[in-house]
C-alpha cells in the first residue's frame, strides 16, 4: 500500500498514558490527552508540542472535540460527565459553565455519574452531548433497587451549556458517536443491532438488526452516514451497509477517513488495522504502536495523516489507570489512487 512512518513517535513528556486524540479542523494541530489530566497540543508538521498543556480537569480525559472554527477544544472525563472547554489560542479555560446545574436537568433522579458517550460542537457553536445514565454504585445503598437505577435503554441528549432539561433518546444504549456536527447519532440498540438517529427530530433514520450485537466496544460514523461497530468478543467489524469483515483483533477504537474510504481500527497489543470500506480487505500490513493497549485512532481532516497511540479502553473503575502508553505515532497516507 504505501503507509510511511515519518519521524519518531511523539511522546507526551509528562509521564501519562495517552487516552484520546483529535485533529483540529485545519489538520495542523493534534490534541493529545493523557492520564495527567492535561491536554497537549502538537504541531503536526514540526512534530513538536505547540504551547503549554491545557489544564483544569481533575480526572482522566475520555473524549475530545474541536469547534468547527478550531478556536475551542472540549474534553470530557471518563466517569462523571465533567467537561472543560478551552480557548486554544489563549491556552486558558473559557470559564463557561452550564446555565443550570446538571442534576437539575437530568430526566431522572438518583445518584448518577452520567459519563459522556459522545460530544460534538454544532454549526452554531453549541456543544451537543449524549450522556449515558449510570448508577454511582459508591453511593447507592441497594444497587438492585429499581427506584435508584436509571433505565439501561436510553441516552440523554442536550446542549451542554444550556439550561433546558436533557431529552431522552430511547431505545439507545452505550457506545455512541455523533456525526455532522451533532445532527446524526449512531448508538447501540439495546434490543440488538444499531440505530442511526436524527437528533433534532428524535427519529430513527435507519436500524440494522440482522445480527445481534453483544460486547460492543466502539462505533464510528462516516460522513455519508455509514456506521461501523466493533466487537470485543468474536472479533470483526460490522459495516452497514452491507459488509462484514475480519480485523487484526478485537477492536476498541474506530475512525473513518474523511472520504469514508478507509476505516482505522485500534486493536490490543498496539495494533492498528486499515480496512478498505468498499471491499472489506485490509490495506497493507497492520501498523504498530508502542502501547500495551488498543490505541486511540484519528484521521486528519484532509486525510493525509493517521494518528494512533495510548489506550481507547475505559478503565473499569475511576481510579484505575488505562493500559496504554505515552507515545503517539503519525503516519502519512498516500493519495487514494496510490493505495
Protein backbone atom coordinates (compact mmCIF):
# COMPACT_ATOMS: atom_id res chain seq x y z
CA UNK A 1 0.00 0.00 0.00
CA UNK A 2 2.40 2.72 0.98
CA UNK A 3 1.82 3.95 4.52
CA UNK A 4 5.00 5.71 5.57
CA UNK A 5 6.08 6.30 9.15
CA UNK A 6 7.66 9.72 9.42
CA UNK A 7 9.74 10.96 12.31
CA UNK A 8 9.90 9.38 15.73
CA UNK A 9 6.87 8.70 17.90
CA UNK A 10 5.59 11.83 19.61
CA UNK A 11 5.72 11.46 23.39
CA UNK A 12 3.67 13.33 25.94
CA UNK A 13 6.77 14.11 28.05
CA UNK A 14 4.52 14.28 31.10
CA UNK A 15 4.61 10.62 32.05
CA UNK A 16 0.93 9.95 31.42
CA UNK A 17 -0.64 7.32 29.19
CA UNK A 18 -2.48 8.70 26.16
CA UNK A 19 -6.29 8.40 26.39
CA UNK A 20 -7.72 10.46 23.50
CA UNK A 21 -6.68 12.07 20.19
CA UNK A 22 -8.31 14.69 17.94
CA UNK A 23 -7.07 16.69 14.96
CA UNK A 24 -8.01 20.36 14.68
CA UNK A 25 -10.30 21.20 11.72
CA UNK A 26 -7.37 22.53 9.67
CA UNK A 27 -5.29 19.42 10.40
CA UNK A 28 -2.31 21.46 11.59
CA UNK A 29 -2.70 20.64 15.29
CA UNK A 30 -3.22 17.34 17.09
CA UNK A 31 -4.75 17.39 20.58
CA UNK A 32 -3.44 14.62 22.85
CA UNK A 33 -4.99 13.83 26.25
CA UNK A 34 -3.27 11.69 28.86
CA UNK A 35 -3.63 10.44 32.41
CA UNK A 36 -2.02 13.55 33.87
CA UNK A 37 -5.49 15.06 33.24
CA UNK A 38 -3.95 17.60 30.85
CA UNK A 39 -4.30 18.02 27.09
CA UNK A 40 -1.28 18.76 24.93
CA UNK A 41 -1.28 20.40 21.51
CA UNK A 42 1.15 19.18 18.87
CA UNK A 43 2.30 20.88 15.68
CA UNK A 44 1.74 18.10 13.14
CA UNK A 45 4.19 19.39 10.53
CA UNK A 46 7.01 20.06 13.01
CA UNK A 47 6.33 17.04 15.22
CA UNK A 48 6.69 19.01 18.45
CA UNK A 49 4.50 20.49 21.14
CA UNK A 50 2.78 23.78 20.46
CA UNK A 51 2.50 25.87 23.60
CA UNK A 52 1.70 24.84 27.14
CA UNK A 53 -0.62 21.97 28.12
CA UNK A 54 -4.29 22.80 28.64
CA UNK A 55 -5.19 22.19 32.27
CA UNK A 56 -8.17 22.28 34.61
CA UNK A 57 -9.58 18.74 34.75
CA UNK A 58 -9.20 16.57 37.84
CA UNK A 59 -9.72 13.17 36.17
CA UNK A 60 -8.67 11.27 33.08
CA UNK A 61 -9.92 12.52 29.71
CA UNK A 62 -12.16 10.18 27.74
CA UNK A 63 -13.16 12.29 24.71
CA UNK A 64 -12.02 15.38 22.81
CA UNK A 65 -13.95 17.61 20.39
CA UNK A 66 -12.93 20.72 18.42
CA UNK A 67 -15.27 23.51 17.43
CA UNK A 68 -15.72 23.95 13.68
CA UNK A 69 -13.54 27.06 13.57
CA UNK A 70 -10.79 25.45 15.65
CA UNK A 71 -10.95 28.13 18.37
CA UNK A 72 -12.34 25.88 21.10
CA UNK A 73 -11.41 22.43 22.36
CA UNK A 74 -13.65 20.41 24.68
CA UNK A 75 -12.54 17.48 26.85
CA UNK A 76 -14.76 15.18 28.90
CA UNK A 77 -13.64 12.97 31.77
CA UNK A 78 -14.27 9.23 31.88
CA UNK A 79 -16.90 8.95 34.55
CA UNK A 80 -18.86 11.87 35.92
CA UNK A 81 -19.73 13.88 32.81
CA UNK A 82 -17.45 16.81 33.65
CA UNK A 83 -16.40 18.84 30.59
CA UNK A 84 -13.78 21.56 30.25
CA UNK A 85 -13.64 23.89 27.24
CA UNK A 86 -10.54 25.89 26.38
CA UNK A 87 -9.82 28.89 24.20
CA UNK A 88 -6.96 27.26 22.30
CA UNK A 89 -5.19 30.44 21.16
CA UNK A 90 -5.18 31.87 24.70
CA UNK A 91 -4.41 28.50 26.28
CA UNK A 92 -6.97 29.01 29.06
CA UNK A 93 -10.38 27.72 30.01
CA UNK A 94 -13.32 29.71 28.70
CA UNK A 95 -14.74 29.56 32.21
CA UNK A 96 -18.17 28.96 30.73
CA UNK A 97 -20.42 26.60 32.65
CA UNK A 98 -23.92 25.19 32.07
CA UNK A 99 -26.72 27.68 32.66
CA UNK A 100 -28.28 25.31 35.19
CA UNK A 101 -26.75 22.54 37.35
CA UNK A 102 -26.62 19.22 35.51
CA UNK A 103 -28.53 17.31 38.17
CA UNK A 104 -31.44 19.72 37.80
CA UNK A 105 -31.53 18.99 34.06
CA UNK A 106 -31.47 15.20 34.24
CA UNK A 107 -34.73 13.43 33.25
CA UNK A 108 -34.40 11.08 36.26
CA UNK A 109 -33.16 11.38 39.81
CA UNK A 110 -30.90 9.12 41.80
CA UNK A 111 -27.18 9.03 42.40
CA UNK A 112 -25.75 9.01 38.89
CA UNK A 113 -22.42 9.60 37.18
CA UNK A 114 -23.64 10.13 33.58
CA UNK A 115 -20.44 9.73 31.56
CA UNK A 116 -20.30 11.45 28.17
CA UNK A 117 -20.77 8.84 25.44
CA UNK A 118 -20.42 11.35 22.59
CA UNK A 119 -19.98 15.10 22.12
CA UNK A 120 -19.68 17.49 19.19
CA UNK A 121 -19.89 21.21 18.50
CA UNK A 122 -22.70 22.09 16.11
CA UNK A 123 -22.60 24.76 13.40
CA UNK A 124 -23.87 27.39 15.84
CA UNK A 125 -21.19 26.66 18.43
CA UNK A 126 -23.39 24.73 20.88
CA UNK A 127 -21.74 21.71 22.48
CA UNK A 128 -24.05 18.74 21.93
CA UNK A 129 -23.61 15.82 24.30
CA UNK A 130 -25.04 12.35 24.73
CA UNK A 131 -24.96 11.16 28.34
CA UNK A 132 -25.26 7.55 29.49
CA UNK A 133 -27.14 7.46 32.83
CA UNK A 134 -25.11 5.17 35.07
CA UNK A 135 -25.63 4.40 38.78
CA UNK A 136 -22.95 5.61 41.15
CA UNK A 137 -22.52 2.34 43.00
CA UNK A 138 -20.37 4.01 45.61
CA UNK A 139 -23.38 5.99 46.88
CA UNK A 140 -26.25 3.53 46.43
CA UNK A 141 -27.42 1.62 49.48
CA UNK A 142 -29.05 -1.01 47.28
CA UNK A 143 -27.75 -1.18 43.74
CA UNK A 144 -30.61 -3.55 42.80
CA UNK A 145 -33.33 -1.10 43.87
CA UNK A 146 -35.17 -0.18 40.62
CA UNK A 147 -36.10 3.21 42.04
CA UNK A 148 -32.44 4.22 42.29
CA UNK A 149 -31.31 2.69 38.99
CA UNK A 150 -31.69 4.64 35.75
CA UNK A 151 -33.07 2.94 32.64
CA UNK A 152 -30.50 0.99 30.67
CA UNK A 153 -32.06 1.61 27.27
CA UNK A 154 -31.68 5.36 26.84
CA UNK A 155 -29.28 8.23 26.27
CA UNK A 156 -29.82 11.81 27.39
CA UNK A 157 -29.20 14.48 24.75
CA UNK A 158 -28.79 18.20 25.16
CA UNK A 159 -26.78 21.39 24.84
CA UNK A 160 -24.07 21.20 27.47
CA UNK A 161 -24.19 24.95 28.11
CA UNK A 162 -27.98 25.21 28.10
CA UNK A 163 -30.46 25.37 30.93
CA UNK A 164 -33.15 23.11 29.49
CA UNK A 165 -33.68 19.55 30.64
CA UNK A 166 -31.89 16.85 28.70
CA UNK A 167 -34.13 14.99 26.26
CA UNK A 168 -34.47 11.22 26.38
CA UNK A 169 -33.45 9.18 23.34
CA UNK A 170 -34.88 5.67 23.51
CA UNK A 171 -34.07 2.93 22.72
CA UNK A 172 -30.38 3.77 22.73
CA UNK A 173 -27.55 2.15 24.64
CA UNK A 174 -23.97 2.92 25.44
CA UNK A 175 -21.34 3.08 22.68
CA UNK A 176 -22.34 6.05 20.54
CA UNK A 177 -20.86 8.56 18.10
CA UNK A 178 -22.02 11.88 16.68
CA UNK A 179 -21.71 12.86 13.04
CA UNK A 180 -22.19 16.07 11.02
CA UNK A 181 -21.97 18.47 13.92
CA UNK A 182 -24.26 16.53 16.22
CA UNK A 183 -27.15 16.20 13.75
CA UNK A 184 -26.68 12.44 13.46
CA UNK A 185 -26.04 9.93 16.23
CA UNK A 186 -25.16 6.27 15.89
CA UNK A 187 -25.87 4.23 19.01
CA UNK A 188 -26.28 0.63 20.02
CA UNK A 189 -29.85 -0.63 20.11
CA UNK A 190 -30.39 -2.42 23.46
CA UNK A 191 -32.55 -4.96 21.61
CA UNK A 192 -29.65 -5.80 19.28
CA UNK A 193 -28.24 -4.05 16.26
CA UNK A 194 -27.57 -0.36 15.70
CA UNK A 195 -29.64 2.75 15.10
CA UNK A 196 -28.86 5.95 13.25
CA UNK A 197 -30.76 8.88 14.75
CA UNK A 198 -31.77 12.34 13.60
CA UNK A 199 -31.09 14.08 16.91
CA UNK A 200 -33.22 17.15 16.15
CA UNK A 201 -36.33 15.16 15.23
CA UNK A 202 -35.54 12.33 17.70
CA UNK A 203 -36.34 9.93 14.87
CA UNK A 204 -34.65 6.75 13.73
CA UNK A 205 -33.26 7.16 10.21
CA UNK A 206 -32.01 3.59 9.91
CA UNK A 207 -31.89 0.46 12.01
CA UNK A 208 -29.76 -2.61 11.44
CA UNK A 209 -30.88 -5.63 13.42
CA UNK A 210 -29.95 -8.53 11.18
CA UNK A 211 -27.32 -9.62 13.69
CA UNK A 212 -27.49 -9.18 17.48
CA UNK A 213 -24.63 -7.07 18.73
CA UNK A 214 -23.08 -8.04 22.03
CA UNK A 215 -19.99 -6.64 23.73
CA UNK A 216 -19.66 -3.58 21.53
CA UNK A 217 -16.52 -1.56 22.19
CA UNK A 218 -16.54 1.23 19.59
CA UNK A 219 -18.65 2.81 16.89
CA UNK A 220 -17.74 5.25 14.12
CA UNK A 221 -19.93 7.31 11.81
CA UNK A 222 -18.77 8.08 8.26
CA UNK A 223 -19.58 11.39 6.52
CA UNK A 224 -22.07 9.59 4.25
CA UNK A 225 -23.96 8.07 7.19
CA UNK A 226 -22.44 4.60 7.16
CA UNK A 227 -21.86 3.10 10.58
CA UNK A 228 -19.09 0.77 11.75
CA UNK A 229 -19.36 -1.18 15.01
CA UNK A 230 -16.56 -3.14 16.71
CA UNK A 231 -16.94 -6.17 18.96
CA UNK A 232 -14.68 -7.23 21.83
CA UNK A 233 -15.63 -10.90 21.58
CA UNK A 234 -15.71 -12.88 18.38
CA UNK A 235 -13.67 -10.19 16.64
CA UNK A 236 -14.60 -8.46 13.46
CA UNK A 237 -16.28 -5.24 12.46
CA UNK A 238 -19.78 -4.78 11.08
CA UNK A 239 -20.12 -2.03 8.50
CA UNK A 240 -23.55 -1.06 7.28
CA UNK A 241 -24.23 -1.48 4.57
CA UNK A 242 -23.57 -4.34 3.76
CA UNK A 243 -20.09 -5.63 4.66
CA UNK A 244 -18.94 -7.86 7.48
CA UNK A 245 -15.21 -8.37 7.70
CA UNK A 246 -12.43 -9.56 9.91
CA UNK A 247 -9.94 -7.38 11.78
CA UNK A 248 -6.42 -7.89 13.17
CA UNK A 249 -8.01 -8.47 16.58
CA UNK A 250 -10.88 -7.31 18.81
CA UNK A 251 -11.13 -3.58 18.05
CA UNK A 252 -11.68 -0.98 20.78
CA UNK A 253 -11.42 2.18 18.63
CA UNK A 254 -12.58 3.06 15.13
CA UNK A 255 -12.35 6.07 12.83
CA UNK A 256 -13.36 6.67 9.22
CA UNK A 257 -11.12 8.67 6.90
CA UNK A 258 -12.75 11.94 5.78
CA UNK A 259 -13.74 10.44 2.42
CA UNK A 260 -15.08 7.28 4.07
CA UNK A 261 -12.79 5.06 2.01
CA UNK A 262 -10.70 3.81 4.93
CA UNK A 263 -11.57 2.55 8.39
CA UNK A 264 -8.83 2.60 11.04
CA UNK A 265 -9.13 0.21 13.98
CA UNK A 266 -7.26 0.17 17.30
CA UNK A 267 -6.66 -3.40 18.49
CA UNK A 268 -4.92 -4.84 21.60
CA UNK A 269 -1.16 -5.03 21.63
CA UNK A 270 -0.70 -1.70 19.89
CA UNK A 271 -2.02 -2.97 16.55
CA UNK A 272 -3.69 -0.58 14.09
CA UNK A 273 -5.54 -2.08 11.14
CA UNK A 274 -6.60 -0.22 8.00
CA UNK A 275 -9.55 -1.55 6.01
CA UNK A 276 -10.87 -0.60 2.58
CA UNK A 277 -14.56 0.05 3.22
CA UNK A 278 -15.55 -0.70 -0.37
CA UNK A 279 -14.05 -4.19 -0.41
CA UNK A 280 -13.60 -5.09 3.25
CA UNK A 281 -9.97 -6.01 2.60
CA UNK A 282 -7.01 -4.98 4.71
CA UNK A 283 -4.92 -2.14 3.31
CA UNK A 284 -1.32 -3.16 3.85
CA UNK A 285 0.07 -4.91 6.89
CA UNK A 286 -1.12 -3.93 10.40
CA UNK A 287 0.67 -0.90 11.82
CA UNK A 288 2.44 -0.99 15.19
CA UNK A 289 2.18 1.49 18.06
CA UNK A 290 4.32 1.30 21.24
CA UNK A 291 1.43 0.75 23.64
CA UNK A 292 0.19 -2.04 25.88
CA UNK A 293 -3.45 -1.49 24.97
CA UNK A 294 -5.70 -0.93 21.97
CA UNK A 295 -4.70 2.52 20.70
CA UNK A 296 -6.91 5.51 20.02
CA UNK A 297 -7.06 6.37 16.30
CA UNK A 298 -7.78 9.62 14.41
CA UNK A 299 -7.52 10.86 10.82
CA UNK A 300 -6.59 14.43 9.96
CA UNK A 301 -9.45 16.33 8.26
CA UNK A 302 -7.63 16.32 4.91
CA UNK A 303 -6.97 12.59 5.12
CA UNK A 304 -3.18 12.98 4.86
CA UNK A 305 -2.32 11.74 8.33
CA UNK A 306 -3.33 8.95 10.66
CA UNK A 307 -2.51 9.27 14.36
CA UNK A 308 -2.63 6.44 16.90
CA UNK A 309 -1.50 5.93 20.46
CA UNK A 310 -2.33 5.21 24.08
CA UNK A 311 -5.39 3.16 25.01
CA UNK A 312 -9.01 3.58 23.93
CA UNK A 313 -10.24 1.22 26.66
CA UNK A 314 -12.04 2.97 29.50
CA UNK A 315 -10.86 1.57 32.87
CA UNK A 316 -13.34 -0.48 34.87
CA UNK A 317 -13.03 1.84 37.88
CA UNK A 318 -12.45 5.62 38.01
CA UNK A 319 -9.10 5.33 39.83
CA UNK A 320 -7.76 2.55 37.61
CA UNK A 321 -5.13 3.70 35.09
CA UNK A 322 -5.58 2.71 31.43
CA UNK A 323 -3.35 0.05 29.91
CA UNK A 324 -1.78 2.38 27.39
CA UNK A 325 1.48 4.12 26.62
CA UNK A 326 2.82 7.65 26.37
CA UNK A 327 3.57 7.68 22.63
CA UNK A 328 1.57 8.84 19.62
CA UNK A 329 2.62 7.73 16.15
CA UNK A 330 1.83 9.66 12.97
CA UNK A 331 1.73 8.09 9.52
CA UNK A 332 1.42 9.83 6.17
CA UNK A 333 -1.18 8.29 3.90
CA UNK A 334 -0.81 8.10 0.11
CA UNK A 335 -3.45 9.55 -2.24
CA UNK A 336 -6.43 7.28 -2.82
CA UNK A 337 -5.23 6.30 -6.28
CA UNK A 338 -1.90 5.02 -4.94
CA UNK A 339 -3.24 2.67 -2.27
